[in-house]
């Protein structure tokens, strides 16, 4: 009987060691697209891949804003991000753990390239 319980305990231990690990949390991607020529923009959030998020942001910028020179300006994953634009359409973007941190960092980045920067958009891509 004692041998049987040791065998059962060993088998149980092996089962725990070989059990599949739970899938990690999903990644949520977002992106900003921006036209430096016209100031048109687009954004996306909560996509399952970076390419989908970038495509969606470009589509909004092209179709909704009508700008033909939109480019992906920034991509982010599982975080918040902000796009700040200056008086001459110079821009800066950055990420943060929350909207305020992202906006502060984007404003700082924009100020290095432009003047009179303002936050154009800020989004969180976190599945909510």
C-alpha atoms as a PDB file:
ATOM      1  CA  UNK A   1       0.000   0.000   0.000  1.00  0.00           C
ATOM      2  CA  UNK A   2       2.830   2.341   0.867  1.00  0.00           C
ATOM      3  CA  UNK A   3       4.482   1.673  -2.510  1.00  0.00           C
ATOM      4  CA  UNK A   4       1.212   2.427  -4.320  1.00  0.00           C
ATOM      5  CA  UNK A   5       0.802   5.830  -2.631  1.00  0.00           C
ATOM      6  CA  UNK A   6       4.399   6.779  -3.493  1.00  0.00           C
ATOM      7  CA  UNK A   7       3.735   5.800  -7.101  1.00  0.00           C
ATOM      8  CA  UNK A   8       0.530   7.875  -7.142  1.00  0.00           C
ATOM      9  CA  UNK A   9       2.331  10.896  -5.680  1.00  0.00           C
ATOM     10  CA  UNK A  10       5.111  10.584  -8.263  1.00  0.00           C
ATOM     11  CA  UNK A  11       2.589  10.291 -11.101  1.00  0.00           C
ATOM     12  CA  UNK A  12       0.752  13.345  -9.829  1.00  0.00           C
ATOM     13  CA  UNK A  13       4.001  15.317  -9.726  1.00  0.00           C
ATOM     14  CA  UNK A  14       4.806  14.352 -13.316  1.00  0.00           C
ATOM     15  CA  UNK A  15       1.314  15.433 -14.379  1.00  0.00           C
ATOM     16  CA  UNK A  16       1.912  18.904 -12.918  1.00  0.00           C
ATOM     17  CA  UNK A  17       5.291  19.192 -14.604  1.00  0.00           C
ATOM     18  CA  UNK A  18       3.933  18.232 -18.012  1.00  0.00           C
ATOM     19  CA  UNK A  19       0.611  20.098 -17.842  1.00  0.00           C
ATOM     20  CA  UNK A  20       0.331  22.775 -20.521  1.00  0.00           C
ATOM     21  CA  UNK A  21       1.052  26.290 -19.349  1.00  0.00           C
ATOM     22  CA  UNK A  22      -1.947  28.582 -19.520  1.00  0.00           C
ATOM     23  CA  UNK A  23      -1.902  30.821 -22.563  1.00  0.00           C
ATOM     24  CA  UNK A  24      -0.486  34.258 -21.907  1.00  0.00           C
ATOM     25  CA  UNK A  25      -2.774  37.261 -21.974  1.00  0.00           C
ATOM     26  CA  UNK A  26      -3.623  38.550 -25.429  1.00  0.00           C
ATOM     27  CA  UNK A  27      -1.623  41.403 -26.908  1.00  0.00           C
ATOM     28  CA  UNK A  28      -3.551  44.480 -27.951  1.00  0.00           C
ATOM     29  CA  UNK A  29      -2.002  46.687 -30.635  1.00  0.00           C
ATOM     30  CA  UNK A  30      -2.720  50.261 -31.569  1.00  0.00           C
ATOM     31  CA  UNK A  31      -1.280  52.744 -34.052  1.00  0.00           C
ATOM     32  CA  UNK A  32      -1.366  56.353 -35.187  1.00  0.00           C
ATOM     33  CA  UNK A  33      -1.172  57.491 -38.806  1.00  0.00           C
ATOM     34  CA  UNK A  34      -0.378  61.088 -39.689  1.00  0.00           C
ATOM     35  CA  UNK A  35      -0.006  63.278 -42.759  1.00  0.00           C
ATOM     36  CA  UNK A  36       2.670  65.864 -42.132  1.00  0.00           C
ATOM     37  CA  UNK A  37       1.541  67.726 -45.264  1.00  0.00           C
ATOM     38  CA  UNK A  38      -2.146  68.161 -44.344  1.00  0.00           C
ATOM     39  CA  UNK A  39      -2.282  67.364 -40.616  1.00  0.00           C
ATOM     40  CA  UNK A  40      -4.789  64.551 -41.227  1.00  0.00           C
ATOM     41  CA  UNK A  41      -4.617  61.666 -38.786  1.00  0.00           C
ATOM     42  CA  UNK A  42      -6.082  58.313 -37.906  1.00  0.00           C
ATOM     43  CA  UNK A  43      -5.780  55.943 -34.987  1.00  0.00           C
ATOM     44  CA  UNK A  44      -6.618  52.414 -33.989  1.00  0.00           C
ATOM     45  CA  UNK A  45      -6.563  50.333 -30.818  1.00  0.00           C
ATOM     46  CA  UNK A  46      -7.218  46.800 -29.549  1.00  0.00           C
ATOM     47  CA  UNK A  47      -6.170  44.915 -32.677  1.00  0.00           C
ATOM     48  CA  UNK A  48      -4.605  41.460 -32.443  1.00  0.00           C
ATOM     49  CA  UNK A  49      -1.582  42.304 -34.604  1.00  0.00           C
ATOM     50  CA  UNK A  50       0.594  45.308 -35.305  1.00  0.00           C
ATOM     51  CA  UNK A  51      -0.063  45.116 -39.045  1.00  0.00           C
ATOM     52  CA  UNK A  52      -3.856  45.141 -38.515  1.00  0.00           C
ATOM     53  CA  UNK A  53      -3.597  48.136 -36.184  1.00  0.00           C
ATOM     54  CA  UNK A  54      -1.384  50.043 -38.602  1.00  0.00           C
ATOM     55  CA  UNK A  55      -3.667  49.224 -41.543  1.00  0.00           C
ATOM     56  CA  UNK A  56      -6.725  50.437 -39.651  1.00  0.00           C
ATOM     57  CA  UNK A  57      -5.043  53.714 -38.641  1.00  0.00           C
ATOM     58  CA  UNK A  58      -3.927  54.324 -42.230  1.00  0.00           C
ATOM     59  CA  UNK A  59      -7.405  53.557 -43.534  1.00  0.00           C
ATOM     60  CA  UNK A  60      -8.968  56.142 -41.213  1.00  0.00           C
ATOM     61  CA  UNK A  61      -6.369  58.734 -42.203  1.00  0.00           C
ATOM     62  CA  UNK A  62      -6.766  58.069 -45.942  1.00  0.00           C
ATOM     63  CA  UNK A  63     -10.509  57.560 -46.172  1.00  0.00           C
ATOM     64  CA  UNK A  64     -11.941  59.730 -43.427  1.00  0.00           C
ATOM     65  CA  UNK A  65      -9.458  62.568 -43.632  1.00  0.00           C
ATOM     66  CA  UNK A  66      -8.769  62.340 -47.374  1.00  0.00           C
ATOM     67  CA  UNK A  67      -4.994  62.626 -47.133  1.00  0.00           C
ATOM     68  CA  UNK A  68      -2.956  60.675 -49.666  1.00  0.00           C
ATOM     69  CA  UNK A  69       0.363  60.927 -47.825  1.00  0.00           C
ATOM     70  CA  UNK A  70      -0.591  59.365 -44.480  1.00  0.00           C
ATOM     71  CA  UNK A  71       2.146  57.307 -42.874  1.00  0.00           C
ATOM     72  CA  UNK A  72       2.196  55.208 -39.736  1.00  0.00           C
ATOM     73  CA  UNK A  73       3.720  57.512 -37.183  1.00  0.00           C
ATOM     74  CA  UNK A  74       3.651  55.255 -34.133  1.00  0.00           C
ATOM     75  CA  UNK A  75       2.625  51.744 -33.070  1.00  0.00           C
ATOM     76  CA  UNK A  76       2.119  50.488 -29.528  1.00  0.00           C
ATOM     77  CA  UNK A  77       1.125  47.327 -27.699  1.00  0.00           C
ATOM     78  CA  UNK A  78      -0.541  46.757 -24.312  1.00  0.00           C
ATOM     79  CA  UNK A  79      -0.090  50.381 -23.295  1.00  0.00           C
ATOM     80  CA  UNK A  80      -1.319  53.903 -23.809  1.00  0.00           C
ATOM     81  CA  UNK A  81       0.173  56.235 -26.412  1.00  0.00           C
ATOM     82  CA  UNK A  82      -0.214  59.806 -27.565  1.00  0.00           C
ATOM     83  CA  UNK A  83       0.487  61.784 -30.722  1.00  0.00           C
ATOM     84  CA  UNK A  84       1.380  65.455 -30.296  1.00  0.00           C
ATOM     85  CA  UNK A  85       1.584  67.851 -33.253  1.00  0.00           C
ATOM     86  CA  UNK A  86       3.214  71.273 -33.502  1.00  0.00           C
ATOM     87  CA  UNK A  87       2.440  74.464 -35.387  1.00  0.00           C
ATOM     88  CA  UNK A  88       4.423  73.389 -38.450  1.00  0.00           C
ATOM     89  CA  UNK A  89       3.027  69.814 -38.368  1.00  0.00           C
ATOM     90  CA  UNK A  90       6.172  68.526 -36.742  1.00  0.00           C
ATOM     91  CA  UNK A  91       5.129  65.748 -34.398  1.00  0.00           C
ATOM     92  CA  UNK A  92       6.143  63.456 -31.589  1.00  0.00           C
ATOM     93  CA  UNK A  93       4.614  60.294 -30.214  1.00  0.00           C
ATOM     94  CA  UNK A  94       5.351  58.116 -27.225  1.00  0.00           C
ATOM     95  CA  UNK A  95       3.823  55.535 -24.917  1.00  0.00           C
ATOM     96  CA  UNK A  96       3.118  55.311 -21.189  1.00  0.00           C
ATOM     97  CA  UNK A  97       1.436  53.176 -18.582  1.00  0.00           C
ATOM     98  CA  UNK A  98      -1.491  55.638 -18.652  1.00  0.00           C
ATOM     99  CA  UNK A  99      -2.812  58.471 -20.825  1.00  0.00           C
ATOM    100  CA  UNK A 100      -1.180  61.250 -18.797  1.00  0.00           C
ATOM    101  CA  UNK A 101       2.283  59.663 -18.980  1.00  0.00           C
ATOM    102  CA  UNK A 102       1.915  59.059 -22.725  1.00  0.00           C
ATOM    103  CA  UNK A 103       0.771  62.632 -23.352  1.00  0.00           C
ATOM    104  CA  UNK A 104       3.627  64.122 -21.295  1.00  0.00           C
ATOM    105  CA  UNK A 105       6.213  62.054 -23.177  1.00  0.00           C
ATOM    106  CA  UNK A 106       4.681  62.824 -26.585  1.00  0.00           C
ATOM    107  CA  UNK A 107       4.646  66.558 -25.824  1.00  0.00           C
ATOM    108  CA  UNK A 108       8.294  66.396 -24.792  1.00  0.00           C
ATOM    109  CA  UNK A 109       9.218  64.546 -28.000  1.00  0.00           C
ATOM    110  CA  UNK A 110       7.206  66.936 -30.171  1.00  0.00           C
ATOM    111  CA  UNK A 111       8.836  69.957 -28.529  1.00  0.00           C
ATOM    112  CA  UNK A 112      12.192  68.715 -29.765  1.00  0.00           C
ATOM    113  CA  UNK A 113      10.986  68.916 -33.377  1.00  0.00           C
ATOM    114  CA  UNK A 114       8.363  71.641 -33.451  1.00  0.00           C
ATOM    115  CA  UNK A 115       6.765  74.552 -31.581  1.00  0.00           C
ATOM    116  CA  UNK A 116       3.333  75.100 -29.988  1.00  0.00           C
ATOM    117  CA  UNK A 117       2.797  71.359 -29.639  1.00  0.00           C
ATOM    118  CA  UNK A 118      -0.588  70.030 -28.611  1.00  0.00           C
ATOM    119  CA  UNK A 119      -1.848  66.495 -28.092  1.00  0.00           C
ATOM    120  CA  UNK A 120      -3.768  65.464 -31.191  1.00  0.00           C
ATOM    121  CA  UNK A 121      -4.915  62.091 -29.842  1.00  0.00           C
ATOM    122  CA  UNK A 122      -4.203  59.661 -27.041  1.00  0.00           C
ATOM    123  CA  UNK A 123      -5.455  56.093 -26.785  1.00  0.00           C
ATOM    124  CA  UNK A 124      -4.961  52.993 -24.689  1.00  0.00           C
ATOM    125  CA  UNK A 125      -4.736  49.591 -26.341  1.00  0.00           C
ATOM    126  CA  UNK A 126      -5.492  47.248 -23.470  1.00  0.00           C
ATOM    127  CA  UNK A 127      -8.528  45.288 -24.560  1.00  0.00           C
ATOM    128  CA  UNK A 128     -11.058  47.658 -23.012  1.00  0.00           C
END
